[in-house]
Amino acid sequence: MPALRAALAITMVREYGLSVYRTAKLLDIAPAAVSNYLAERRSNKKVVRKLLEDKKYAIYVKEYSMKIIRNEIRVDEVMCFFCKLFYE
C-alpha cells in the first residue's frame, strides 16, 4: 500500500521530526521514495490525504508511526492492520 507508506513517512518526518534517511530505514524504502512522498510526487494523493486528515485513520497513522519509531511493531504488521481496517 504505497499510500499508507506515504502517510507513515509524512507523519514520521513532519510530526515526529525524523530525517528522510531514518524514516526510509524504518520503513525499509529508499530515501528517494520518502522525498517523493513528502513532495507529493508519488502515491495516490487522495488516499494519502484521507489517511492523514480523516480522524478514523489519522489517529492510527500517528499511533503506528510512533510504534514503528520505537521498534514496537514491524511495518508489515501495520500494513496488515490497515488492510483489515479498510475492508471492514
N, C-alpha and C. Protein backbone atom coordinates (compact mmCIF):
# COMPACT_ATOMS: atom_id res chain seq x y z
N MET A 1 0.83 -1.18 0.00
CA MET A 1 0.00 0.00 0.00
C MET A 1 0.88 1.25 0.00
N PRO A 2 1.20 1.74 -1.17
CA PRO A 2 2.04 2.93 -1.25
C PRO A 2 1.46 4.15 -0.52
N ALA A 3 0.15 4.29 -0.54
CA ALA A 3 -0.46 5.44 0.13
C ALA A 3 -0.22 5.38 1.64
N LEU A 4 -0.29 4.21 2.20
CA LEU A 4 -0.03 4.06 3.64
C LEU A 4 1.43 4.34 3.96
N ARG A 5 2.33 3.82 3.13
CA ARG A 5 3.75 4.13 3.35
C ARG A 5 3.99 5.63 3.26
N ALA A 6 3.32 6.28 2.32
CA ALA A 6 3.45 7.73 2.17
C ALA A 6 2.95 8.44 3.43
N ALA A 7 1.79 8.03 3.92
CA ALA A 7 1.23 8.66 5.13
C ALA A 7 2.13 8.45 6.33
N LEU A 8 2.67 7.25 6.48
CA LEU A 8 3.59 6.98 7.58
C LEU A 8 4.85 7.82 7.45
N ALA A 9 5.40 7.89 6.25
CA ALA A 9 6.62 8.67 6.03
C ALA A 9 6.39 10.15 6.31
N ILE A 10 5.31 10.68 5.81
CA ILE A 10 4.99 12.10 6.03
C ILE A 10 4.84 12.37 7.53
N THR A 11 4.16 11.49 8.22
CA THR A 11 3.96 11.67 9.66
C THR A 11 5.29 11.60 10.41
N MET A 12 6.11 10.64 10.06
CA MET A 12 7.40 10.49 10.75
C MET A 12 8.28 11.72 10.57
N VAL A 13 8.29 12.27 9.38
CA VAL A 13 9.14 13.43 9.11
C VAL A 13 8.52 14.71 9.67
N ARG A 14 7.27 14.95 9.34
CA ARG A 14 6.64 16.24 9.71
C ARG A 14 6.17 16.30 11.15
N GLU A 15 5.62 15.22 11.66
CA GLU A 15 5.08 15.23 13.03
C GLU A 15 6.15 14.90 14.08
N TYR A 16 7.02 13.96 13.74
CA TYR A 16 7.97 13.47 14.73
C TYR A 16 9.41 13.90 14.46
N GLY A 17 9.64 14.63 13.38
CA GLY A 17 10.94 15.24 13.13
C GLY A 17 12.05 14.30 12.71
N LEU A 18 11.71 13.12 12.23
CA LEU A 18 12.75 12.20 11.78
C LEU A 18 13.33 12.69 10.45
N SER A 19 14.54 12.30 10.19
CA SER A 19 15.16 12.63 8.91
C SER A 19 14.59 11.72 7.83
N VAL A 20 14.79 12.14 6.61
CA VAL A 20 14.36 11.33 5.47
C VAL A 20 15.06 9.97 5.51
N TYR A 21 16.34 9.98 5.85
CA TYR A 21 17.11 8.74 5.86
C TYR A 21 16.66 7.79 6.98
N ARG A 22 16.41 8.33 8.15
CA ARG A 22 15.95 7.49 9.27
C ARG A 22 14.57 6.92 8.96
N THR A 23 13.71 7.75 8.40
CA THR A 23 12.37 7.30 8.02
C THR A 23 12.45 6.19 6.98
N ALA A 24 13.29 6.38 5.99
CA ALA A 24 13.45 5.37 4.95
C ALA A 24 13.93 4.05 5.54
N LYS A 25 14.87 4.12 6.45
CA LYS A 25 15.40 2.91 7.07
C LYS A 25 14.30 2.19 7.86
N LEU A 26 13.52 2.94 8.62
CA LEU A 26 12.46 2.34 9.42
C LEU A 26 11.37 1.70 8.56
N LEU A 27 11.07 2.33 7.43
CA LEU A 27 10.02 1.81 6.55
C LEU A 27 10.55 0.85 5.50
N ASP A 28 11.86 0.66 5.49
CA ASP A 28 12.51 -0.23 4.53
C ASP A 28 12.22 0.17 3.09
N ILE A 29 12.36 1.47 2.84
CA ILE A 29 12.20 2.01 1.50
C ILE A 29 13.38 2.94 1.21
N ALA A 30 13.52 3.35 -0.01
CA ALA A 30 14.62 4.24 -0.40
C ALA A 30 14.36 5.67 0.10
N PRO A 31 15.42 6.38 0.47
CA PRO A 31 15.26 7.78 0.86
C PRO A 31 14.58 8.61 -0.24
N ALA A 32 14.85 8.27 -1.49
CA ALA A 32 14.20 8.99 -2.60
C ALA A 32 12.68 8.81 -2.56
N ALA A 33 12.23 7.64 -2.15
CA ALA A 33 10.78 7.40 -2.04
C ALA A 33 10.19 8.31 -0.97
N VAL A 34 10.87 8.43 0.15
CA VAL A 34 10.39 9.32 1.22
C VAL A 34 10.33 10.76 0.71
N SER A 35 11.37 11.19 0.03
CA SER A 35 11.39 12.55 -0.52
C SER A 35 10.24 12.77 -1.50
N ASN A 36 9.99 11.77 -2.32
CA ASN A 36 8.88 11.88 -3.27
C ASN A 36 7.53 11.91 -2.56
N TYR A 37 7.38 11.13 -1.51
CA TYR A 37 6.14 11.17 -0.73
C TYR A 37 5.93 12.56 -0.13
N LEU A 38 7.00 13.13 0.41
CA LEU A 38 6.91 14.45 1.03
C LEU A 38 6.56 15.53 0.00
N ALA A 39 7.05 15.37 -1.21
CA ALA A 39 6.79 16.34 -2.28
C ALA A 39 5.50 16.01 -3.04
N GLU A 40 4.81 14.98 -2.61
CA GLU A 40 3.56 14.53 -3.23
C GLU A 40 3.74 14.19 -4.71
N ARG A 41 4.90 13.62 -5.04
CA ARG A 41 5.16 13.19 -6.41
C ARG A 41 4.92 11.70 -6.60
N ARG A 42 4.58 11.04 -5.53
CA ARG A 42 4.43 9.60 -5.59
C ARG A 42 3.25 9.20 -4.72
N SER A 43 2.49 8.24 -5.14
CA SER A 43 1.35 7.70 -4.39
C SER A 43 0.06 8.44 -4.75
N ASN A 44 -1.03 7.87 -4.32
CA ASN A 44 -2.36 8.42 -4.59
C ASN A 44 -2.64 9.53 -3.58
N LYS A 45 -2.59 10.77 -4.05
CA LYS A 45 -2.74 11.93 -3.16
C LYS A 45 -4.06 11.92 -2.40
N LYS A 46 -5.11 11.49 -3.07
CA LYS A 46 -6.43 11.48 -2.45
C LYS A 46 -6.46 10.51 -1.26
N VAL A 47 -5.89 9.34 -1.44
CA VAL A 47 -5.87 8.34 -0.37
C VAL A 47 -4.94 8.78 0.75
N VAL A 48 -3.79 9.33 0.40
CA VAL A 48 -2.85 9.81 1.42
C VAL A 48 -3.51 10.90 2.25
N ARG A 49 -4.17 11.83 1.59
CA ARG A 49 -4.85 12.91 2.30
C ARG A 49 -5.91 12.36 3.25
N LYS A 50 -6.64 11.36 2.79
CA LYS A 50 -7.66 10.75 3.65
C LYS A 50 -7.02 10.10 4.88
N LEU A 51 -5.93 9.40 4.68
CA LEU A 51 -5.24 8.76 5.80
C LEU A 51 -4.73 9.78 6.82
N LEU A 52 -4.31 10.94 6.33
CA LEU A 52 -3.74 11.96 7.21
C LEU A 52 -4.79 12.88 7.83
N GLU A 53 -5.93 13.03 7.18
CA GLU A 53 -6.91 14.02 7.65
C GLU A 53 -8.18 13.42 8.24
N ASP A 54 -8.57 12.25 7.80
CA ASP A 54 -9.78 11.61 8.34
C ASP A 54 -9.46 11.08 9.73
N LYS A 55 -10.22 11.53 10.72
CA LYS A 55 -9.93 11.15 12.11
C LYS A 55 -9.89 9.64 12.31
N LYS A 56 -10.73 8.93 11.58
CA LYS A 56 -10.78 7.47 11.72
C LYS A 56 -9.42 6.84 11.43
N TYR A 57 -8.72 7.39 10.45
CA TYR A 57 -7.43 6.82 10.04
C TYR A 57 -6.24 7.57 10.62
N ALA A 58 -6.34 8.88 10.73
CA ALA A 58 -5.20 9.70 11.15
C ALA A 58 -4.67 9.30 12.52
N ILE A 59 -5.56 8.99 13.42
CA ILE A 59 -5.12 8.59 14.77
C ILE A 59 -4.28 7.33 14.72
N TYR A 60 -4.66 6.40 13.85
CA TYR A 60 -3.89 5.16 13.71
C TYR A 60 -2.56 5.41 13.00
N VAL A 61 -2.56 6.28 12.01
CA VAL A 61 -1.31 6.60 11.31
C VAL A 61 -0.30 7.16 12.31
N LYS A 62 -0.73 8.09 13.15
CA LYS A 62 0.18 8.67 14.15
C LYS A 62 0.62 7.63 15.17
N GLU A 63 -0.33 6.86 15.65
CA GLU A 63 -0.01 5.84 16.66
C GLU A 63 0.98 4.81 16.12
N TYR A 64 0.70 4.31 14.94
CA TYR A 64 1.57 3.27 14.39
C TYR A 64 2.90 3.83 13.89
N SER A 65 2.92 5.08 13.49
CA SER A 65 4.20 5.71 13.15
C SER A 65 5.11 5.70 14.37
N MET A 66 4.56 6.09 15.51
CA MET A 66 5.35 6.11 16.74
C MET A 66 5.78 4.71 17.15
N LYS A 67 4.90 3.74 16.98
CA LYS A 67 5.27 2.36 17.32
C LYS A 67 6.40 1.85 16.44
N ILE A 68 6.38 2.24 15.17
CA ILE A 68 7.48 1.85 14.27
C ILE A 68 8.77 2.53 14.72
N ILE A 69 8.69 3.80 15.05
CA ILE A 69 9.87 4.55 15.51
C ILE A 69 10.46 3.89 16.75
N ARG A 70 9.61 3.43 17.64
CA ARG A 70 10.06 2.81 18.90
C ARG A 70 10.39 1.32 18.73
N ASN A 71 10.30 0.84 17.51
CA ASN A 71 10.55 -0.58 17.21
C ASN A 71 9.62 -1.51 17.98
N GLU A 72 8.40 -1.07 18.19
CA GLU A 72 7.40 -1.89 18.88
C GLU A 72 6.59 -2.74 17.92
N ILE A 73 6.67 -2.41 16.63
CA ILE A 73 5.89 -3.13 15.63
C ILE A 73 6.62 -3.06 14.29
N ARG A 74 6.43 -4.08 13.49
CA ARG A 74 7.05 -4.10 12.16
C ARG A 74 6.10 -3.45 11.15
N VAL A 75 6.67 -2.95 10.09
CA VAL A 75 5.89 -2.28 9.06
C VAL A 75 4.87 -3.23 8.44
N ASP A 76 5.24 -4.47 8.22
CA ASP A 76 4.29 -5.42 7.62
C ASP A 76 3.08 -5.65 8.52
N GLU A 77 3.28 -5.58 9.83
CA GLU A 77 2.15 -5.72 10.76
C GLU A 77 1.21 -4.52 10.66
N VAL A 78 1.80 -3.35 10.45
CA VAL A 78 0.99 -2.14 10.28
C VAL A 78 0.17 -2.25 9.00
N MET A 79 0.80 -2.74 7.95
CA MET A 79 0.09 -2.93 6.68
C MET A 79 -1.11 -3.87 6.87
N CYS A 80 -0.90 -4.94 7.58
CA CYS A 80 -1.99 -5.90 7.84
C CYS A 80 -3.12 -5.24 8.62
N PHE A 81 -2.76 -4.47 9.63
CA PHE A 81 -3.77 -3.78 10.42
C PHE A 81 -4.63 -2.87 9.54
N PHE A 82 -3.98 -2.07 8.70
CA PHE A 82 -4.73 -1.14 7.86
C PHE A 82 -5.55 -1.85 6.80
N CYS A 83 -5.05 -2.95 6.28
CA CYS A 83 -5.85 -3.72 5.31
C CYS A 83 -7.14 -4.18 5.96
N LYS A 84 -7.04 -4.68 7.17
CA LYS A 84 -8.24 -5.11 7.90
C LYS A 84 -9.16 -3.93 8.17
N LEU A 85 -8.59 -2.80 8.54
CA LEU A 85 -9.37 -1.60 8.83
C LEU A 85 -10.12 -1.11 7.59
N PHE A 86 -9.45 -1.12 6.45
CA PHE A 86 -10.06 -0.65 5.21
C PHE A 86 -11.20 -1.55 4.75
N TYR A 87 -11.04 -2.84 4.97
CA TYR A 87 -12.01 -3.77 4.41
C TYR A 87 -13.03 -4.29 5.41
N GLU A 88 -13.17 -3.59 6.52
CA GLU A 88 -14.20 -3.96 7.50
C GLU A 88 -15.56 -3.54 7.01
